[in-house]
């Protein structure tokens, strides 16, 4: 099997992530956000749900694109692309979670 055939076959596994990002980017789908869907109604009332959904959707897309770069690095045999992309995934995840939890943009006023 060719390298790029393997890349496209494995990329199909990213499609559910891209599909989940669509309602999030539209400001819908708060039930898809872990922790938010389990929060009490009083706690949910403190958050701007559409803004939070859009923020999580953007973060999800950024991580998915980085994971595609990891896959491309694996198919091409480029270890620096793999490790660089994995480092970027870790940095995006950490920074994104801190930003989403602490920014007043996602809180109701």
N, C-alpha and C. Protein backbone atom coordinates (compact mmCIF):
# COMPACT_ATOMS: atom_id res chain seq x y z
N UNK A 1 0.86 -1.18 0.00
CA UNK A 1 0.00 0.00 0.00
C UNK A 1 0.90 1.24 0.00
N UNK A 2 0.56 2.23 -0.83
CA UNK A 2 1.36 3.44 -0.95
C UNK A 2 1.26 4.31 0.29
N UNK A 3 2.24 5.18 0.45
CA UNK A 3 2.26 6.06 1.61
C UNK A 3 1.04 6.98 1.66
N UNK A 4 0.69 7.56 0.52
CA UNK A 4 -0.41 8.51 0.53
C UNK A 4 -1.75 7.81 0.62
N UNK A 5 -1.84 6.58 0.14
CA UNK A 5 -3.07 5.81 0.33
C UNK A 5 -3.30 5.58 1.82
N UNK A 6 -2.23 5.23 2.51
CA UNK A 6 -2.33 5.04 3.96
C UNK A 6 -2.71 6.34 4.66
N UNK A 7 -2.13 7.45 4.20
CA UNK A 7 -2.46 8.75 4.79
C UNK A 7 -3.95 9.03 4.66
N UNK A 8 -4.52 8.84 3.48
CA UNK A 8 -5.94 9.15 3.27
C UNK A 8 -6.84 8.19 4.02
N UNK A 9 -6.46 6.93 4.09
CA UNK A 9 -7.28 5.96 4.84
C UNK A 9 -7.29 6.34 6.32
N UNK A 10 -6.13 6.67 6.87
CA UNK A 10 -6.06 7.04 8.29
C UNK A 10 -6.70 8.40 8.55
N UNK A 11 -6.70 9.28 7.56
CA UNK A 11 -7.34 10.59 7.71
C UNK A 11 -8.85 10.46 7.88
N UNK A 12 -9.41 9.39 7.36
CA UNK A 12 -10.85 9.19 7.49
C UNK A 12 -11.25 9.13 8.96
N UNK A 13 -10.34 8.67 9.83
CA UNK A 13 -10.64 8.60 11.25
C UNK A 13 -10.74 9.98 11.89
N UNK A 14 -10.26 11.01 11.22
CA UNK A 14 -10.39 12.38 11.73
C UNK A 14 -11.74 12.99 11.38
N UNK A 15 -12.45 12.41 10.44
CA UNK A 15 -13.72 12.98 9.99
C UNK A 15 -14.73 13.18 11.11
N UNK A 16 -14.89 12.24 12.07
CA UNK A 16 -15.83 12.51 13.17
C UNK A 16 -15.45 13.75 13.97
N UNK A 17 -14.18 13.99 14.17
CA UNK A 17 -13.75 15.20 14.88
C UNK A 17 -14.12 16.45 14.12
N UNK A 18 -13.91 16.43 12.81
CA UNK A 18 -14.30 17.59 12.00
C UNK A 18 -15.81 17.76 12.01
N UNK A 19 -16.55 16.65 11.98
CA UNK A 19 -18.01 16.74 12.01
C UNK A 19 -18.50 17.31 13.34
N UNK A 20 -17.84 16.96 14.44
CA UNK A 20 -18.23 17.48 15.75
C UNK A 20 -17.89 18.96 15.89
N UNK A 21 -16.90 19.43 15.15
CA UNK A 21 -16.53 20.83 15.26
C UNK A 21 -17.55 21.76 14.60
N UNK A 22 -18.32 21.26 13.65
CA UNK A 22 -19.27 22.12 12.93
C UNK A 22 -20.33 22.70 13.86
N UNK A 23 -21.06 21.89 14.65
CA UNK A 23 -22.04 22.52 15.55
C UNK A 23 -21.37 23.40 16.61
N UNK A 24 -20.18 23.02 17.04
CA UNK A 24 -19.49 23.83 18.05
C UNK A 24 -19.14 25.20 17.48
N UNK A 25 -18.66 25.25 16.26
CA UNK A 25 -18.31 26.53 15.64
C UNK A 25 -19.54 27.40 15.41
N UNK A 26 -20.70 26.79 15.30
CA UNK A 26 -21.94 27.54 15.13
C UNK A 26 -22.51 28.00 16.47
N UNK A 27 -21.85 27.66 17.58
CA UNK A 27 -22.30 28.08 18.90
C UNK A 27 -23.32 27.14 19.52
N UNK A 28 -23.45 25.97 18.95
CA UNK A 28 -24.39 24.97 19.46
C UNK A 28 -23.61 23.78 20.00
N UNK A 29 -24.29 22.87 20.65
CA UNK A 29 -23.65 21.64 21.06
C UNK A 29 -22.90 21.71 22.37
N UNK A 30 -23.41 22.46 23.32
CA UNK A 30 -22.77 22.52 24.63
C UNK A 30 -22.70 21.16 25.30
N UNK A 31 -23.61 20.26 24.91
CA UNK A 31 -23.60 18.91 25.49
C UNK A 31 -22.40 18.11 25.02
N UNK A 32 -21.68 18.57 24.00
CA UNK A 32 -20.49 17.88 23.51
C UNK A 32 -19.25 18.24 24.32
N UNK A 33 -19.33 19.26 25.17
CA UNK A 33 -18.17 19.72 25.92
C UNK A 33 -18.13 18.98 27.26
N UNK A 34 -17.06 18.21 27.44
CA UNK A 34 -16.90 17.45 28.67
C UNK A 34 -16.81 18.40 29.85
N UNK A 35 -17.49 18.09 30.90
CA UNK A 35 -17.50 18.92 32.10
C UNK A 35 -18.63 19.92 32.08
N UNK A 36 -18.83 20.59 30.95
CA UNK A 36 -19.93 21.55 30.85
C UNK A 36 -21.27 20.82 30.83
N UNK A 37 -21.32 19.69 30.13
CA UNK A 37 -22.58 18.96 30.06
C UNK A 37 -22.95 18.32 31.40
N UNK A 38 -21.99 18.13 32.28
CA UNK A 38 -22.26 17.53 33.59
C UNK A 38 -22.44 18.58 34.69
N UNK A 39 -22.28 19.84 34.34
CA UNK A 39 -22.38 20.90 35.35
C UNK A 39 -23.83 21.11 35.77
N UNK A 40 -23.99 21.64 36.94
CA UNK A 40 -25.33 21.93 37.45
C UNK A 40 -25.90 23.13 36.68
N UNK A 41 -27.23 23.27 36.65
CA UNK A 41 -27.81 24.43 35.96
C UNK A 41 -27.32 25.77 36.51
N UNK A 42 -27.03 25.83 37.80
CA UNK A 42 -26.51 27.07 38.38
C UNK A 42 -25.11 27.38 37.83
N UNK A 43 -24.29 26.34 37.69
CA UNK A 43 -22.95 26.54 37.14
C UNK A 43 -23.01 26.88 35.66
N UNK A 44 -23.91 26.23 34.91
CA UNK A 44 -24.05 26.53 33.48
C UNK A 44 -24.52 27.96 33.25
N UNK A 45 -25.28 28.50 34.18
CA UNK A 45 -25.80 29.86 34.04
C UNK A 45 -24.68 30.90 34.09
N UNK A 46 -23.51 30.54 34.61
CA UNK A 46 -22.38 31.46 34.71
C UNK A 46 -21.62 31.59 33.39
N UNK A 47 -21.86 30.70 32.44
CA UNK A 47 -21.08 30.64 31.21
C UNK A 47 -21.87 31.14 30.01
N UNK A 48 -21.20 31.77 29.08
CA UNK A 48 -21.76 32.18 27.80
C UNK A 48 -21.62 30.97 26.87
N UNK A 49 -22.67 30.16 26.78
CA UNK A 49 -22.57 28.89 26.06
C UNK A 49 -22.19 29.03 24.58
N UNK A 50 -22.79 29.94 23.81
CA UNK A 50 -22.37 30.04 22.40
C UNK A 50 -20.89 30.41 22.23
N UNK A 51 -20.39 31.32 23.04
CA UNK A 51 -18.97 31.70 22.94
C UNK A 51 -18.08 30.54 23.36
N UNK A 52 -18.47 29.83 24.41
CA UNK A 52 -17.70 28.68 24.87
C UNK A 52 -17.67 27.59 23.80
N UNK A 53 -18.80 27.34 23.16
CA UNK A 53 -18.86 26.34 22.10
C UNK A 53 -17.95 26.72 20.93
N UNK A 54 -17.98 27.98 20.52
CA UNK A 54 -17.12 28.42 19.43
C UNK A 54 -15.64 28.29 19.81
N UNK A 55 -15.30 28.64 21.02
CA UNK A 55 -13.92 28.52 21.47
C UNK A 55 -13.43 27.08 21.47
N UNK A 56 -14.28 26.17 21.94
CA UNK A 56 -13.92 24.76 21.95
C UNK A 56 -13.84 24.23 20.52
N UNK A 57 -14.72 24.70 19.64
CA UNK A 57 -14.69 24.28 18.24
C UNK A 57 -13.40 24.69 17.55
N UNK A 58 -12.95 25.90 17.80
CA UNK A 58 -11.69 26.38 17.22
C UNK A 58 -10.52 25.56 17.76
N UNK A 59 -10.52 25.31 19.06
CA UNK A 59 -9.47 24.50 19.67
C UNK A 59 -9.46 23.09 19.08
N UNK A 60 -10.63 22.49 18.92
CA UNK A 60 -10.74 21.16 18.35
C UNK A 60 -10.16 21.12 16.93
N UNK A 61 -10.50 22.11 16.10
CA UNK A 61 -9.97 22.14 14.74
C UNK A 61 -8.45 22.30 14.73
N UNK A 62 -7.93 23.15 15.59
CA UNK A 62 -6.48 23.35 15.64
C UNK A 62 -5.77 22.05 16.02
N UNK A 63 -6.31 21.34 16.99
CA UNK A 63 -5.71 20.08 17.41
C UNK A 63 -5.83 19.03 16.31
N UNK A 64 -6.97 18.99 15.62
CA UNK A 64 -7.13 18.03 14.53
C UNK A 64 -6.15 18.28 13.39
N UNK A 65 -5.93 19.55 13.04
CA UNK A 65 -4.97 19.85 11.99
C UNK A 65 -3.56 19.45 12.40
N UNK A 66 -3.23 19.65 13.67
CA UNK A 66 -1.92 19.23 14.16
C UNK A 66 -1.78 17.71 14.12
N UNK A 67 -2.85 17.01 14.44
CA UNK A 67 -2.82 15.55 14.40
C UNK A 67 -2.67 15.05 12.97
N UNK A 68 -3.25 15.77 12.02
CA UNK A 68 -3.04 15.41 10.61
C UNK A 68 -1.58 15.59 10.23
N UNK A 69 -0.93 16.61 10.78
CA UNK A 69 0.50 16.81 10.52
C UNK A 69 1.32 15.68 11.14
N UNK A 70 0.90 15.19 12.30
CA UNK A 70 1.56 14.03 12.91
C UNK A 70 1.44 12.83 11.98
N UNK A 71 0.25 12.63 11.44
CA UNK A 71 0.01 11.51 10.53
C UNK A 71 0.85 11.66 9.26
N UNK A 72 0.92 12.86 8.72
CA UNK A 72 1.74 13.10 7.53
C UNK A 72 3.21 12.82 7.82
N UNK A 73 3.67 13.22 9.00
CA UNK A 73 5.05 12.94 9.38
C UNK A 73 5.31 11.45 9.51
N UNK A 74 4.33 10.71 10.02
CA UNK A 74 4.49 9.26 10.15
C UNK A 74 4.53 8.59 8.78
N UNK A 75 3.68 9.04 7.89
CA UNK A 75 3.66 8.45 6.54
C UNK A 75 4.94 8.77 5.79
N UNK A 76 5.43 10.01 5.94
CA UNK A 76 6.63 10.43 5.23
C UNK A 76 7.92 9.99 5.92
N UNK A 77 7.81 9.51 7.15
CA UNK A 77 8.99 9.12 7.90
C UNK A 77 9.78 10.29 8.44
N UNK A 78 9.13 11.42 8.65
CA UNK A 78 9.78 12.64 9.12
C UNK A 78 9.54 12.77 10.63
N UNK A 79 10.53 12.37 11.41
CA UNK A 79 10.37 12.38 12.87
C UNK A 79 10.28 13.78 13.45
N UNK A 80 10.94 14.74 12.83
CA UNK A 80 10.86 16.10 13.37
C UNK A 80 9.46 16.68 13.18
N UNK A 81 8.79 16.33 12.09
CA UNK A 81 7.41 16.75 11.89
C UNK A 81 6.49 16.10 12.91
N UNK A 82 6.72 14.85 13.19
CA UNK A 82 5.90 14.13 14.18
C UNK A 82 6.06 14.79 15.55
N UNK A 83 7.30 14.93 16.01
CA UNK A 83 7.52 15.46 17.36
C UNK A 83 7.15 16.93 17.47
N UNK A 84 7.41 17.69 16.43
CA UNK A 84 7.01 19.09 16.45
C UNK A 84 5.50 19.25 16.52
N UNK A 85 4.79 18.44 15.76
CA UNK A 85 3.33 18.50 15.77
C UNK A 85 2.76 18.02 17.10
N UNK A 86 3.36 16.98 17.66
CA UNK A 86 2.89 16.51 18.98
C UNK A 86 3.14 17.56 20.05
N UNK A 87 4.27 18.23 19.97
CA UNK A 87 4.54 19.32 20.91
C UNK A 87 3.53 20.45 20.75
N UNK A 88 3.17 20.74 19.52
CA UNK A 88 2.17 21.77 19.26
C UNK A 88 0.80 21.35 19.78
N UNK A 89 0.46 20.07 19.65
CA UNK A 89 -0.80 19.57 20.21
C UNK A 89 -0.82 19.77 21.72
N UNK A 90 0.27 19.41 22.38
CA UNK A 90 0.34 19.57 23.84
C UNK A 90 0.24 21.04 24.23
N UNK A 91 0.96 21.91 23.52
CA UNK A 91 0.92 23.33 23.84
C UNK A 91 -0.46 23.92 23.59
N UNK A 92 -1.08 23.57 22.47
CA UNK A 92 -2.43 24.06 22.17
C UNK A 92 -3.44 23.59 23.20
N UNK A 93 -3.33 22.33 23.58
CA UNK A 93 -4.27 21.78 24.57
C UNK A 93 -4.14 22.52 25.89
N UNK A 94 -2.92 22.64 26.39
CA UNK A 94 -2.71 23.33 27.67
C UNK A 94 -3.13 24.78 27.63
N UNK A 95 -2.65 25.50 26.62
CA UNK A 95 -2.97 26.93 26.53
C UNK A 95 -4.46 27.13 26.27
N UNK A 96 -5.05 26.28 25.44
CA UNK A 96 -6.47 26.41 25.14
C UNK A 96 -7.35 26.18 26.36
N UNK A 97 -7.01 25.17 27.15
CA UNK A 97 -7.81 24.90 28.35
C UNK A 97 -7.69 26.02 29.37
N UNK A 98 -6.48 26.54 29.54
CA UNK A 98 -6.31 27.66 30.47
C UNK A 98 -7.10 28.87 29.98
N UNK A 99 -7.02 29.17 28.68
CA UNK A 99 -7.73 30.32 28.13
C UNK A 99 -9.24 30.15 28.25
N UNK A 100 -9.74 28.98 27.90
CA UNK A 100 -11.19 28.75 27.96
C UNK A 100 -11.72 28.84 29.38
N UNK A 101 -10.93 28.42 30.35
CA UNK A 101 -11.39 28.44 31.74
C UNK A 101 -11.22 29.80 32.41
N UNK A 102 -10.31 30.63 31.94
CA UNK A 102 -10.00 31.87 32.66
C UNK A 102 -10.38 33.15 31.95
N UNK A 103 -10.68 33.09 30.68
CA UNK A 103 -10.99 34.31 29.94
C UNK A 103 -12.39 34.81 30.29
N UNK A 104 -12.53 36.11 30.56
CA UNK A 104 -13.86 36.65 30.84
C UNK A 104 -14.78 36.62 29.62
N UNK A 105 -14.20 36.39 28.45
CA UNK A 105 -14.99 36.31 27.22
C UNK A 105 -16.04 35.20 27.28
N UNK A 106 -15.75 34.14 28.01
CA UNK A 106 -16.63 32.97 28.04
C UNK A 106 -17.56 32.98 29.25
N UNK A 107 -17.44 33.97 30.10
CA UNK A 107 -18.31 34.11 31.28
C UNK A 107 -19.43 35.10 30.99
N UNK A 108 -20.57 34.86 31.60
CA UNK A 108 -21.66 35.83 31.48
C UNK A 108 -21.36 36.99 32.39
N UNK A 109 -21.80 38.15 31.97
CA UNK A 109 -21.54 39.36 32.76
C UNK A 109 -22.65 39.66 33.73
